Amino acid sequence: MGSEDSIPSVNSGGASPERQERRSRAIWRAAWADAMRAMSLGWDLGLPICVGALIGNWLERRFGLDYSVTVGLVAFGLMVGLYNAGRTLSREIARDRFIAECEKEEDKDFCSG
């Protein structure tokens, strides 16, 4: 029989080592991009809440107001954060639908732009 080097592996699909390496890099790049998008959801939600709490606390100390200012600004920050997270999720859903359409299309030039 032939040498083991001439037998394509099951995972490679007969692709050259360079192509396998490019595909592996693309998969890792996509995984990191998805992880960064997921982490941005935390910032989109948490940052407005924290800013509302800090500003509310500052206003209470500065002007001698009661705690309802902080509670109101935290609630407002929560609404802003939920809006930001919803907007980000809707963009991601639209992106995923576009990618799914591109995978169905035969013209790959349409999807690269």
C-alpha atoms as a PDB file:
ATOM      1  CA  MET A   1       0.000   0.000   0.000  1.00  0.00           C
ATOM      2  CA  GLY A   2       1.003   3.687  -0.100  1.00  0.00           C
ATOM      3  CA  SER A   3       2.524   5.763   2.656  1.00  0.00           C
ATOM      4  CA  GLU A   4       0.382   7.282   5.365  1.00  0.00           C
ATOM      5  CA  ASP A   5       1.161  10.796   4.071  1.00  0.00           C
ATOM      6  CA  SER A   6      -0.781  10.155   0.869  1.00  0.00           C
ATOM      7  CA  ILE A   7      -3.952   9.159   2.737  1.00  0.00           C
ATOM      8  CA  PRO A   8      -6.150  12.198   3.356  1.00  0.00           C
ATOM      9  CA  SER A   9      -7.411  12.497   6.893  1.00  0.00           C
ATOM     10  CA  VAL A  10     -11.104  12.405   7.649  1.00  0.00           C
ATOM     11  CA  ASN A  11     -11.108  15.967   9.038  1.00  0.00           C
ATOM     12  CA  SER A  12      -9.193  17.575   6.197  1.00  0.00           C
ATOM     13  CA  GLY A  13     -11.412  16.427   3.358  1.00  0.00           C
ATOM     14  CA  GLY A  14      -8.296  16.043   1.214  1.00  0.00           C
ATOM     15  CA  ALA A  15      -7.371  19.716   1.565  1.00  0.00           C
ATOM     16  CA  SER A  16      -3.775  20.862   1.461  1.00  0.00           C
ATOM     17  CA  PRO A  17      -2.028  21.712   4.749  1.00  0.00           C
ATOM     18  CA  GLU A  18      -2.025  25.409   3.830  1.00  0.00           C
ATOM     19  CA  ARG A  19      -5.761  25.357   3.263  1.00  0.00           C
ATOM     20  CA  GLN A  20      -6.295  23.491   6.532  1.00  0.00           C
ATOM     21  CA  GLU A  21      -4.229  26.116   8.340  1.00  0.00           C
ATOM     22  CA  ARG A  22      -6.217  28.978   6.779  1.00  0.00           C
ATOM     23  CA  ARG A  23      -9.495  27.287   7.690  1.00  0.00           C
ATOM     24  CA  SER A  24      -8.285  26.727  11.259  1.00  0.00           C
ATOM     25  CA  ARG A  25      -7.302  30.396  11.570  1.00  0.00           C
ATOM     26  CA  ALA A  26     -10.659  31.483  10.155  1.00  0.00           C
ATOM     27  CA  ILE A  27     -12.511  29.297  12.653  1.00  0.00           C
ATOM     28  CA  TRP A  28     -10.516  30.689  15.582  1.00  0.00           C
ATOM     29  CA  ARG A  29     -10.950  34.254  14.321  1.00  0.00           C
ATOM     30  CA  ALA A  30     -14.711  33.730  14.075  1.00  0.00           C
ATOM     31  CA  ALA A  31     -14.811  32.182  17.561  1.00  0.00           C
ATOM     32  CA  TRP A  32     -12.957  35.143  19.074  1.00  0.00           C
ATOM     33  CA  ALA A  33     -15.180  37.597  17.209  1.00  0.00           C
ATOM     34  CA  ASP A  34     -18.276  35.868  18.614  1.00  0.00           C
ATOM     35  CA  ALA A  35     -16.771  35.896  22.117  1.00  0.00           C
ATOM     36  CA  MET A  36     -16.066  39.625  21.860  1.00  0.00           C
ATOM     37  CA  ARG A  37     -19.631  40.286  20.723  1.00  0.00           C
ATOM     38  CA  ALA A  38     -20.957  38.294  23.681  1.00  0.00           C
ATOM     39  CA  MET A  39     -18.763  40.261  26.094  1.00  0.00           C
ATOM     40  CA  SER A  40     -19.959  43.522  24.605  1.00  0.00           C
ATOM     41  CA  LEU A  41     -23.503  42.606  25.643  1.00  0.00           C
ATOM     42  CA  GLY A  42     -22.374  42.740  29.271  1.00  0.00           C
ATOM     43  CA  TRP A  43     -20.921  46.192  28.769  1.00  0.00           C
ATOM     44  CA  ASP A  44     -24.010  47.326  26.852  1.00  0.00           C
ATOM     45  CA  LEU A  45     -26.195  46.306  29.772  1.00  0.00           C
ATOM     46  CA  GLY A  46     -23.992  46.956  32.799  1.00  0.00           C
ATOM     47  CA  LEU A  47     -22.368  50.275  31.992  1.00  0.00           C
ATOM     48  CA  PRO A  48     -25.549  52.400  31.864  1.00  0.00           C
ATOM     49  CA  ILE A  49     -26.742  50.865  35.140  1.00  0.00           C
ATOM     50  CA  CYS A  50     -23.455  51.647  36.899  1.00  0.00           C
ATOM     51  CA  VAL A  51     -23.320  55.154  35.474  1.00  0.00           C
ATOM     52  CA  GLY A  52     -26.883  55.764  36.665  1.00  0.00           C
ATOM     53  CA  ALA A  53     -25.974  54.583  40.170  1.00  0.00           C
ATOM     54  CA  LEU A  54     -22.839  56.733  40.297  1.00  0.00           C
ATOM     55  CA  ILE A  55     -24.568  59.859  39.043  1.00  0.00           C
ATOM     56  CA  GLY A  56     -27.503  59.277  41.391  1.00  0.00           C
ATOM     57  CA  ASN A  57     -25.185  58.839  44.362  1.00  0.00           C
ATOM     58  CA  TRP A  58     -23.268  61.989  43.412  1.00  0.00           C
ATOM     59  CA  LEU A  59     -26.491  64.001  43.057  1.00  0.00           C
ATOM     60  CA  GLU A  60     -27.716  62.763  46.444  1.00  0.00           C
ATOM     61  CA  ARG A  61     -24.508  63.779  48.196  1.00  0.00           C
ATOM     62  CA  ARG A  62     -24.124  67.052  46.344  1.00  0.00           C
ATOM     63  CA  PHE A  63     -27.673  68.328  46.785  1.00  0.00           C
ATOM     64  CA  GLY A  64     -28.808  66.379  49.850  1.00  0.00           C
ATOM     65  CA  LEU A  65     -31.510  64.458  47.984  1.00  0.00           C
ATOM     66  CA  ASP A  66     -33.065  61.198  49.095  1.00  0.00           C
ATOM     67  CA  TYR A  67     -32.286  57.765  47.678  1.00  0.00           C
ATOM     68  CA  SER A  68     -35.112  57.870  45.116  1.00  0.00           C
ATOM     69  CA  VAL A  69     -32.846  59.775  42.700  1.00  0.00           C
ATOM     70  CA  THR A  70     -30.377  56.888  42.622  1.00  0.00           C
ATOM     71  CA  VAL A  71     -33.159  54.328  42.250  1.00  0.00           C
ATOM     72  CA  GLY A  72     -34.670  56.326  39.385  1.00  0.00           C
ATOM     73  CA  LEU A  73     -31.351  56.692  37.584  1.00  0.00           C
ATOM     74  CA  VAL A  74     -30.555  52.994  38.044  1.00  0.00           C
ATOM     75  CA  ALA A  75     -33.970  52.157  36.550  1.00  0.00           C
ATOM     76  CA  PHE A  76     -33.276  54.543  33.666  1.00  0.00           C
ATOM     77  CA  GLY A  77     -29.853  52.933  33.200  1.00  0.00           C
ATOM     78  CA  LEU A  78     -31.510  49.519  33.122  1.00  0.00           C
ATOM     79  CA  MET A  79     -33.882  50.664  30.374  1.00  0.00           C
ATOM     80  CA  VAL A  80     -31.013  52.161  28.367  1.00  0.00           C
ATOM     81  CA  GLY A  81     -28.965  48.982  28.849  1.00  0.00           C
ATOM     82  CA  LEU A  82     -31.809  46.744  27.725  1.00  0.00           C
ATOM     83  CA  TYR A  83     -32.326  48.939  24.669  1.00  0.00           C
ATOM     84  CA  ASN A  84     -28.606  48.711  23.821  1.00  0.00           C
ATOM     85  CA  ALA A  85     -28.563  44.934  24.301  1.00  0.00           C
ATOM     86  CA  GLY A  86     -31.694  44.513  22.174  1.00  0.00           C
ATOM     87  CA  ARG A  87     -30.224  46.651  19.418  1.00  0.00           C
ATOM     88  CA  THR A  88     -26.991  44.635  19.488  1.00  0.00           C
ATOM     89  CA  LEU A  89     -28.875  41.342  19.402  1.00  0.00           C
ATOM     90  CA  SER A  90     -31.030  42.444  16.471  1.00  0.00           C
ATOM     91  CA  ARG A  91     -27.877  43.400  14.533  1.00  0.00           C
ATOM     92  CA  GLU A  92     -26.369  39.982  15.282  1.00  0.00           C
ATOM     93  CA  ILE A  93     -29.537  38.206  14.173  1.00  0.00           C
ATOM     94  CA  ALA A  94     -29.526  40.195  10.919  1.00  0.00           C
ATOM     95  CA  ARG A  95     -25.828  39.352  10.440  1.00  0.00           C
ATOM     96  CA  ASP A  96     -26.478  35.647  11.007  1.00  0.00           C
ATOM     97  CA  ARG A  97     -29.372  35.685   8.534  1.00  0.00           C
ATOM     98  CA  PHE A  98     -27.159  37.396   5.953  1.00  0.00           C
ATOM     99  CA  ILE A  99     -24.435  34.787   6.446  1.00  0.00           C
ATOM    100  CA  ALA A 100     -27.003  31.981   6.127  1.00  0.00           C
ATOM    101  CA  GLU A 101     -28.255  33.501   2.865  1.00  0.00           C
ATOM    102  CA  CYS A 102     -24.699  33.814   1.603  1.00  0.00           C
ATOM    103  CA  GLU A 103     -24.040  30.156   2.315  1.00  0.00           C
ATOM    104  CA  LYS A 104     -27.102  29.262   0.221  1.00  0.00           C
ATOM    105  CA  GLU A 105     -26.077  31.513  -2.678  1.00  0.00           C
ATOM    106  CA  GLU A 106     -23.818  30.159  -5.374  1.00  0.00           C
ATOM    107  CA  ASP A 107     -22.246  33.564  -6.052  1.00  0.00           C
ATOM    108  CA  LYS A 108     -19.651  33.888  -3.251  1.00  0.00           C
ATOM    109  CA  ASP A 109     -18.539  37.359  -4.426  1.00  0.00           C
ATOM    110  CA  PHE A 110     -21.842  38.739  -3.145  1.00  0.00           C
ATOM    111  CA  CYS A 111     -21.050  37.628   0.390  1.00  0.00           C
ATOM    112  CA  SER A 112     -17.464  38.813   0.596  1.00  0.00           C
ATOM    113  CA  GLY A 113     -18.431  42.483   0.399  1.00  0.00           C
END
